[in-house]
Amino acid sequence: MSGRRVARTFSVVALTGLLVISAGAAYGAESPRAGGAVEDVIPLPDGFQPEGIAIGPDGTAYLGSLADGDIYAVDVRTAEGEIISQGPGTPSVGLKIDQFGRLFVAGGTSGTARVIDSATGGLLADFELAPTPAFINDVILTHDGAWFTNSFAPALYLLPLQPSGGLPDEPVVLPLTGEWVQQPGFNANGIAETPDHKALLVIQSSTATLFRVDRETGEATKVDLGGASLPSGDGLLVIGRTLYVVQNQLNQVAVIRLDASGTTGVLVETLTDPDFRVPTTVARYGSGLFLPNARFGVPPTPDTEYEVVRIDR
């Protein structure tokens, strides 16, 4: 590692205690084996237009392209990578990898979700989640399956997964109710699970608000952050009782200490880095957080440069 330090901005409430790394749910548990140096800046193919990232236990990061849906795999320790799956010509947005090595990919404007074999790049399944216009934005893997957000509709979508890994015939639609009020622009964006694994967390980008969602009823309640808001909120990551919220246009990551149920939290610090160029989502490996630079606001061309940035957590 280069030894580059992460700039940190502390709130009035100090971060106390050690971060507890959870074992994770049956699906989507990320317990990486740290070992060997990792790159601080990982170049991606020119013109790739990344958005989502997932990292397997062997240190392979998978990224989806907003341009055409290609999936790129890269070793975070060597920065060597290649396209492993040709896209369908529609975006690949958020993605997660499960214990069977399958990538669950949010399909953006296509309104679909894809399941891809990370070993072969082959398409295992393709699900229509919502009619267009839609923007299937992000995905989280939990004990009951893969949950997807739609930034253009007040609903979540579940692909129920069997313990053996069996895929469903069709998705389940869960309307968002309670305190959720659909707004113009981007709504449901990043999604994560509460520390106790009993509910979901969803960021509403248009209102800079974090919600706790009952996975049975769809009732959404605002998480009490003591008056803090989360403008430009995008990808979410929960490790133990710590929530990381990527704030894309602000080029920073908010660090929130949650209670176990995810009903309250305290903003304890923000992380930033000089190499951030509008990061969108975040995945962890070892002691690091890895964030792809989407470079929103820069006109994409075949020669536009993109990269993944590593910061300490």
Protein backbone atom coordinates (compact mmCIF):
# COMPACT_ATOMS: atom_id res chain seq x y z
CA MET A 1 0.00 0.00 0.00
CA SER A 2 1.13 3.52 -0.65
CA GLY A 3 0.43 4.71 2.87
CA ARG A 4 -1.80 7.56 1.65
CA ARG A 5 -3.89 8.75 4.57
CA VAL A 6 -7.63 9.39 4.57
CA ALA A 7 -8.80 12.84 5.58
CA ARG A 8 -11.42 12.58 8.33
CA THR A 9 -13.88 15.17 9.62
CA PHE A 10 -15.12 14.42 13.13
CA SER A 11 -18.47 15.50 14.53
CA VAL A 12 -18.91 16.65 18.11
CA VAL A 13 -19.67 13.09 19.08
CA ALA A 14 -16.48 11.03 19.13
CA LEU A 15 -16.36 7.58 17.63
CA THR A 16 -15.95 5.17 20.51
CA GLY A 17 -15.25 1.50 20.72
CA LEU A 18 -14.08 -0.91 18.09
CA LEU A 19 -16.05 -1.65 14.95
CA VAL A 20 -17.59 -5.07 15.28
CA ILE A 21 -17.45 -7.14 12.11
CA SER A 22 -20.66 -9.15 11.85
CA ALA A 23 -20.75 -12.66 10.52
CA GLY A 24 -23.45 -11.52 8.09
CA ALA A 25 -26.61 -13.19 6.96
CA ALA A 26 -26.77 -16.57 5.30
CA TYR A 27 -26.74 -14.79 1.95
CA GLY A 28 -24.36 -11.97 1.20
CA ALA A 29 -22.09 -12.50 4.20
CA GLU A 30 -18.82 -10.81 3.43
CA SER A 31 -16.02 -12.10 5.64
CA PRO A 32 -12.95 -11.37 3.52
CA ARG A 33 -9.61 -12.98 4.09
CA ALA A 34 -7.20 -10.10 4.37
CA GLY A 35 -3.77 -10.92 3.09
CA GLY A 36 -1.18 -9.15 1.00
CA ALA A 37 -1.03 -5.53 -0.04
CA VAL A 38 -3.91 -3.94 -1.91
CA GLU A 39 -3.91 -1.08 -4.40
CA ASP A 40 -5.10 2.36 -3.28
CA VAL A 41 -6.23 3.37 -6.78
CA ILE A 42 -7.33 0.64 -9.18
CA PRO A 43 -7.74 1.73 -12.81
CA LEU A 44 -10.75 0.50 -14.77
CA PRO A 45 -11.12 0.28 -18.54
CA ASP A 46 -11.46 3.67 -20.23
CA GLY A 47 -15.09 4.53 -20.90
CA PHE A 48 -16.39 1.84 -18.50
CA GLN A 49 -18.72 4.09 -16.44
CA PRO A 50 -18.81 2.10 -13.16
CA GLU A 51 -21.48 2.39 -10.50
CA GLY A 52 -21.80 -0.73 -8.32
CA ILE A 53 -19.12 -2.86 -6.67
CA ALA A 54 -19.01 -6.21 -4.87
CA ILE A 55 -15.91 -7.98 -3.53
CA GLY A 56 -15.59 -11.73 -3.04
CA PRO A 57 -13.64 -13.37 -0.21
CA ASP A 58 -10.66 -13.96 -2.53
CA GLY A 59 -10.18 -10.24 -3.14
CA THR A 60 -11.81 -10.12 -6.56
CA ALA A 61 -13.89 -6.99 -7.07
CA TYR A 62 -16.78 -7.02 -9.54
CA LEU A 63 -18.06 -3.82 -11.12
CA GLY A 64 -20.96 -3.12 -13.43
CA SER A 65 -21.00 -0.66 -16.32
CA LEU A 66 -23.70 1.97 -16.72
CA ALA A 67 -22.80 2.19 -20.40
CA ASP A 68 -23.67 -1.31 -21.60
CA GLY A 69 -23.98 -3.60 -18.56
CA ASP A 70 -20.59 -5.30 -18.86
CA ILE A 71 -19.19 -6.88 -15.68
CA TYR A 72 -15.51 -6.28 -14.93
CA ALA A 73 -13.56 -8.43 -12.45
CA VAL A 74 -10.34 -7.11 -10.91
CA ASP A 75 -7.96 -8.35 -8.21
CA VAL A 76 -7.76 -5.58 -5.60
CA ARG A 77 -4.22 -6.68 -4.70
CA THR A 78 -2.71 -6.58 -8.18
CA ALA A 79 -5.17 -4.34 -10.12
CA GLU A 80 -5.24 -6.97 -12.87
CA GLY A 81 -8.68 -7.43 -14.37
CA GLU A 82 -10.84 -8.28 -17.36
CA ILE A 83 -14.41 -8.18 -18.62
CA ILE A 84 -16.00 -11.46 -17.55
CA SER A 85 -19.56 -10.90 -18.78
CA GLN A 86 -20.81 -8.97 -21.78
CA GLY A 87 -23.72 -6.73 -20.90
CA PRO A 88 -27.15 -6.72 -22.52
CA GLY A 89 -26.77 -3.13 -23.71
CA THR A 90 -28.62 -1.77 -20.67
CA PRO A 91 -27.01 -0.63 -17.40
CA SER A 92 -25.58 -2.73 -14.62
CA VAL A 93 -25.94 -0.68 -11.45
CA GLY A 94 -25.69 -2.08 -7.88
CA LEU A 95 -24.49 -5.66 -7.44
CA LYS A 96 -23.73 -8.18 -4.70
CA ILE A 97 -22.09 -11.62 -4.67
CA ASP A 98 -23.42 -14.57 -2.65
CA GLN A 99 -21.81 -17.64 -1.09
CA PHE A 100 -22.36 -19.60 -4.31
CA GLY A 101 -20.37 -17.10 -6.37
CA ARG A 102 -23.43 -15.64 -8.06
CA LEU A 103 -23.66 -11.94 -8.86
CA PHE A 104 -27.05 -10.28 -8.37
CA VAL A 105 -27.15 -7.23 -10.62
CA ALA A 106 -29.59 -4.31 -10.57
CA GLY A 107 -30.55 -3.48 -14.15
CA GLY A 108 -31.23 0.26 -13.99
CA THR A 109 -33.49 1.55 -16.76
CA SER A 110 -34.23 -1.98 -18.01
CA GLY A 111 -36.42 -2.59 -14.95
CA THR A 112 -34.79 -6.00 -14.52
CA ALA A 113 -32.42 -7.94 -12.29
CA ARG A 114 -29.85 -10.43 -13.57
CA VAL A 115 -28.05 -13.31 -11.88
CA ILE A 116 -24.58 -14.04 -13.29
CA ASP A 117 -22.11 -16.83 -12.58
CA SER A 118 -18.97 -15.00 -11.46
CA ALA A 119 -16.78 -17.97 -12.46
CA THR A 120 -17.95 -18.18 -16.08
CA GLY A 121 -19.71 -14.87 -16.67
CA GLY A 122 -22.74 -16.81 -17.85
CA LEU A 123 -26.28 -15.52 -17.34
CA LEU A 124 -28.12 -17.75 -14.85
CA ALA A 125 -31.43 -15.87 -14.68
CA ASP A 126 -33.10 -12.64 -15.74
CA PHE A 127 -36.08 -11.22 -13.83
CA GLU A 128 -38.47 -8.44 -14.82
CA LEU A 129 -38.99 -6.45 -11.63
CA ALA A 130 -40.89 -3.35 -12.74
CA PRO A 131 -42.37 -1.86 -15.91
CA THR A 132 -40.45 1.00 -17.47
CA PRO A 133 -39.82 3.81 -16.79
CA ALA A 134 -37.90 2.33 -13.89
CA PHE A 135 -34.44 2.53 -12.39
CA ILE A 136 -33.51 -0.64 -10.51
CA ASN A 137 -30.70 0.88 -8.53
CA ASP A 138 -29.21 -1.26 -5.77
CA VAL A 139 -29.40 -4.70 -4.15
CA ILE A 140 -28.72 -6.29 -0.76
CA LEU A 141 -28.52 -10.00 0.06
CA THR A 142 -30.20 -11.13 3.28
CA HIS A 143 -31.31 -14.41 4.83
CA ASP A 144 -34.56 -14.33 2.82
CA GLY A 145 -33.15 -13.34 -0.56
CA ALA A 146 -32.07 -10.47 -2.77
CA TRP A 147 -33.78 -7.10 -2.24
CA PHE A 148 -33.73 -4.43 -4.98
CA THR A 149 -34.62 -0.73 -4.96
CA ASN A 150 -36.36 1.23 -7.71
CA SER A 151 -35.52 4.94 -7.73
CA PHE A 152 -38.63 5.74 -9.79
CA ALA A 153 -41.28 3.84 -7.80
CA PRO A 154 -42.20 3.43 -4.09
CA ALA A 155 -41.52 -0.30 -3.92
CA LEU A 156 -38.87 -2.89 -3.11
CA TYR A 157 -38.49 -6.17 -4.98
CA LEU A 158 -37.51 -9.49 -3.41
CA LEU A 159 -36.06 -12.53 -5.15
CA PRO A 160 -36.68 -15.20 -2.49
CA LEU A 161 -33.73 -17.58 -2.27
CA GLN A 162 -33.77 -21.09 -0.87
CA PRO A 163 -31.03 -22.14 1.58
CA SER A 164 -29.79 -24.54 -1.10
CA GLY A 165 -29.38 -21.60 -3.48
CA GLY A 166 -32.46 -22.23 -5.59
CA LEU A 167 -33.73 -19.22 -7.54
CA PRO A 168 -37.40 -18.20 -7.55
CA ASP A 169 -39.78 -18.26 -10.51
CA GLU A 170 -40.75 -14.63 -10.07
CA PRO A 171 -40.07 -11.66 -7.76
CA VAL A 172 -42.20 -10.41 -4.88
CA VAL A 173 -43.19 -6.72 -4.89
CA LEU A 174 -43.27 -4.89 -1.54
CA PRO A 175 -44.85 -1.39 -1.71
CA LEU A 176 -43.26 1.26 0.51
CA THR A 177 -45.76 2.78 2.95
CA GLY A 178 -45.73 4.61 6.29
CA GLU A 179 -43.57 7.74 6.28
CA TRP A 180 -42.30 7.13 2.75
CA VAL A 181 -43.54 9.86 0.38
CA GLN A 182 -42.47 9.55 -3.24
CA GLN A 183 -40.76 12.68 -4.55
CA PRO A 184 -39.75 13.99 -7.99
CA GLY A 185 -36.33 12.74 -9.09
CA PHE A 186 -34.37 9.87 -7.54
CA ASN A 187 -36.00 8.24 -4.53
CA ALA A 188 -35.02 4.78 -3.20
CA ASN A 189 -31.32 4.36 -3.84
CA GLY A 190 -28.86 2.45 -1.62
CA ILE A 191 -30.12 -0.44 0.52
CA ALA A 192 -28.65 -2.32 3.48
CA GLU A 193 -29.76 -4.45 6.43
CA THR A 194 -30.11 -3.27 10.01
CA PRO A 195 -27.46 -4.54 12.45
CA ASP A 196 -29.93 -7.02 13.98
CA HIS A 197 -30.86 -8.32 10.49
CA LYS A 198 -34.58 -7.76 11.17
CA ALA A 199 -35.29 -4.84 8.83
CA LEU A 200 -33.92 -2.94 5.86
CA LEU A 201 -32.34 0.49 5.53
CA VAL A 202 -33.03 2.57 2.41
CA ILE A 203 -31.71 6.02 1.53
CA GLN A 204 -34.10 8.38 -0.28
CA SER A 205 -31.77 10.53 -2.35
CA SER A 206 -34.30 13.25 -3.19
CA THR A 207 -34.90 14.09 0.49
CA ALA A 208 -31.48 13.14 1.97
CA THR A 209 -33.40 10.87 4.37
CA LEU A 210 -32.56 7.42 5.73
CA PHE A 211 -35.50 5.06 6.30
CA ARG A 212 -35.94 1.82 8.20
CA VAL A 213 -38.28 -0.52 6.29
CA ASP A 214 -40.23 -3.42 7.76
CA ARG A 215 -39.49 -6.28 5.37
CA GLU A 216 -42.91 -7.88 6.03
CA THR A 217 -45.22 -4.87 5.64
CA GLY A 218 -43.15 -2.31 3.73
CA GLU A 219 -43.82 0.31 6.42
CA ALA A 220 -41.03 2.88 6.31
CA THR A 221 -40.03 5.07 9.25
CA LYS A 222 -37.37 7.77 9.29
CA VAL A 223 -34.23 6.81 11.15
CA ASP A 224 -33.63 9.32 13.94
CA LEU A 225 -30.20 10.78 13.20
CA GLY A 226 -30.46 13.61 15.72
CA GLY A 227 -31.19 16.18 13.02
CA ALA A 228 -28.44 15.10 10.60
CA SER A 229 -29.33 14.68 6.94
CA LEU A 230 -27.57 12.78 4.18
CA PRO A 231 -27.52 14.85 0.96
CA SER A 232 -26.33 13.04 -2.18
CA GLY A 233 -26.88 9.72 -0.37
CA ASP A 234 -26.08 6.72 -2.57
CA GLY A 235 -24.62 3.32 -1.67
CA LEU A 236 -24.92 1.91 1.87
CA LEU A 237 -22.78 -0.57 3.78
CA VAL A 238 -23.36 -1.90 7.32
CA ILE A 239 -20.49 -3.46 9.27
CA GLY A 240 -21.50 -4.41 12.79
CA ARG A 241 -23.40 -1.35 14.04
CA THR A 242 -21.60 1.08 11.76
CA LEU A 243 -23.33 2.37 8.65
CA TYR A 244 -21.34 3.88 5.80
CA VAL A 245 -23.30 6.18 3.49
CA VAL A 246 -21.64 7.23 0.23
CA GLN A 247 -22.45 10.88 -0.55
CA ASN A 248 -21.56 10.91 -4.20
CA GLN A 249 -21.54 14.57 -5.27
CA LEU A 250 -19.99 15.59 -1.94
CA ASN A 251 -17.07 13.19 -2.47
CA GLN A 252 -17.38 11.82 1.04
CA VAL A 253 -18.66 8.94 3.13
CA ALA A 254 -20.80 9.55 6.22
CA VAL A 255 -20.11 7.20 9.13
CA ILE A 256 -23.12 6.57 11.37
CA ARG A 257 -23.25 4.61 14.59
CA LEU A 258 -26.61 2.79 14.71
CA ASP A 259 -28.53 1.09 17.45
CA ALA A 260 -29.10 -2.62 16.85
CA SER A 261 -32.57 -2.18 15.37
CA GLY A 262 -31.54 0.64 13.05
CA THR A 263 -34.16 3.04 14.44
CA THR A 264 -31.65 5.65 15.66
CA GLY A 265 -28.13 6.66 14.78
CA VAL A 266 -25.44 9.27 15.34
CA LEU A 267 -23.24 10.79 12.65
CA VAL A 268 -19.76 10.29 14.09
CA GLU A 269 -17.45 11.30 11.25
CA THR A 270 -17.07 11.74 7.52
CA LEU A 271 -14.38 10.20 5.34
CA THR A 272 -12.97 11.77 2.21
CA ASP A 273 -10.01 11.30 -0.09
CA PRO A 274 -8.28 13.45 -2.72
CA ASP A 275 -8.81 10.69 -5.29
CA PHE A 276 -12.60 10.73 -4.96
CA ARG A 277 -14.32 11.77 -8.19
CA VAL A 278 -17.99 11.25 -7.38
CA PRO A 279 -17.90 7.77 -5.77
CA THR A 280 -21.22 5.96 -5.75
CA THR A 281 -21.12 2.67 -3.86
CA VAL A 282 -18.86 0.89 -1.40
CA ALA A 283 -17.64 -2.61 -0.58
CA ARG A 284 -15.15 -3.82 1.99
CA TYR A 285 -12.14 -6.08 1.87
CA GLY A 286 -9.87 -6.53 4.87
CA SER A 287 -9.37 -3.16 6.57
CA GLY A 288 -10.31 -1.18 3.49
CA LEU A 289 -13.35 0.32 1.83
CA PHE A 290 -13.41 0.33 -1.97
CA LEU A 291 -15.43 2.90 -3.91
CA PRO A 292 -15.80 3.26 -7.70
CA ASN A 293 -15.61 6.78 -9.12
CA ALA A 294 -18.61 7.29 -11.39
CA ARG A 295 -17.51 10.83 -12.33
CA PHE A 296 -21.09 12.05 -12.77
CA GLY A 297 -21.05 15.46 -14.41
CA VAL A 298 -18.13 14.57 -16.69
CA PRO A 299 -19.37 13.78 -20.23
CA PRO A 300 -18.59 10.10 -20.77
CA THR A 301 -16.47 9.24 -23.79
CA PRO A 302 -14.66 6.05 -24.84
CA ASP A 303 -11.49 7.64 -23.44
CA THR A 304 -12.85 8.85 -20.08
CA GLU A 305 -10.80 7.41 -17.22
CA TYR A 306 -12.41 5.64 -14.27
CA GLU A 307 -11.01 3.97 -11.16
CA VAL A 308 -11.77 2.37 -7.79
CA VAL A 309 -10.39 4.14 -4.70
CA ARG A 310 -9.44 2.38 -1.48
CA ILE A 311 -9.67 4.14 1.88
CA ASP A 312 -9.14 2.91 5.43
CA ARG A 313 -12.19 2.28 7.57
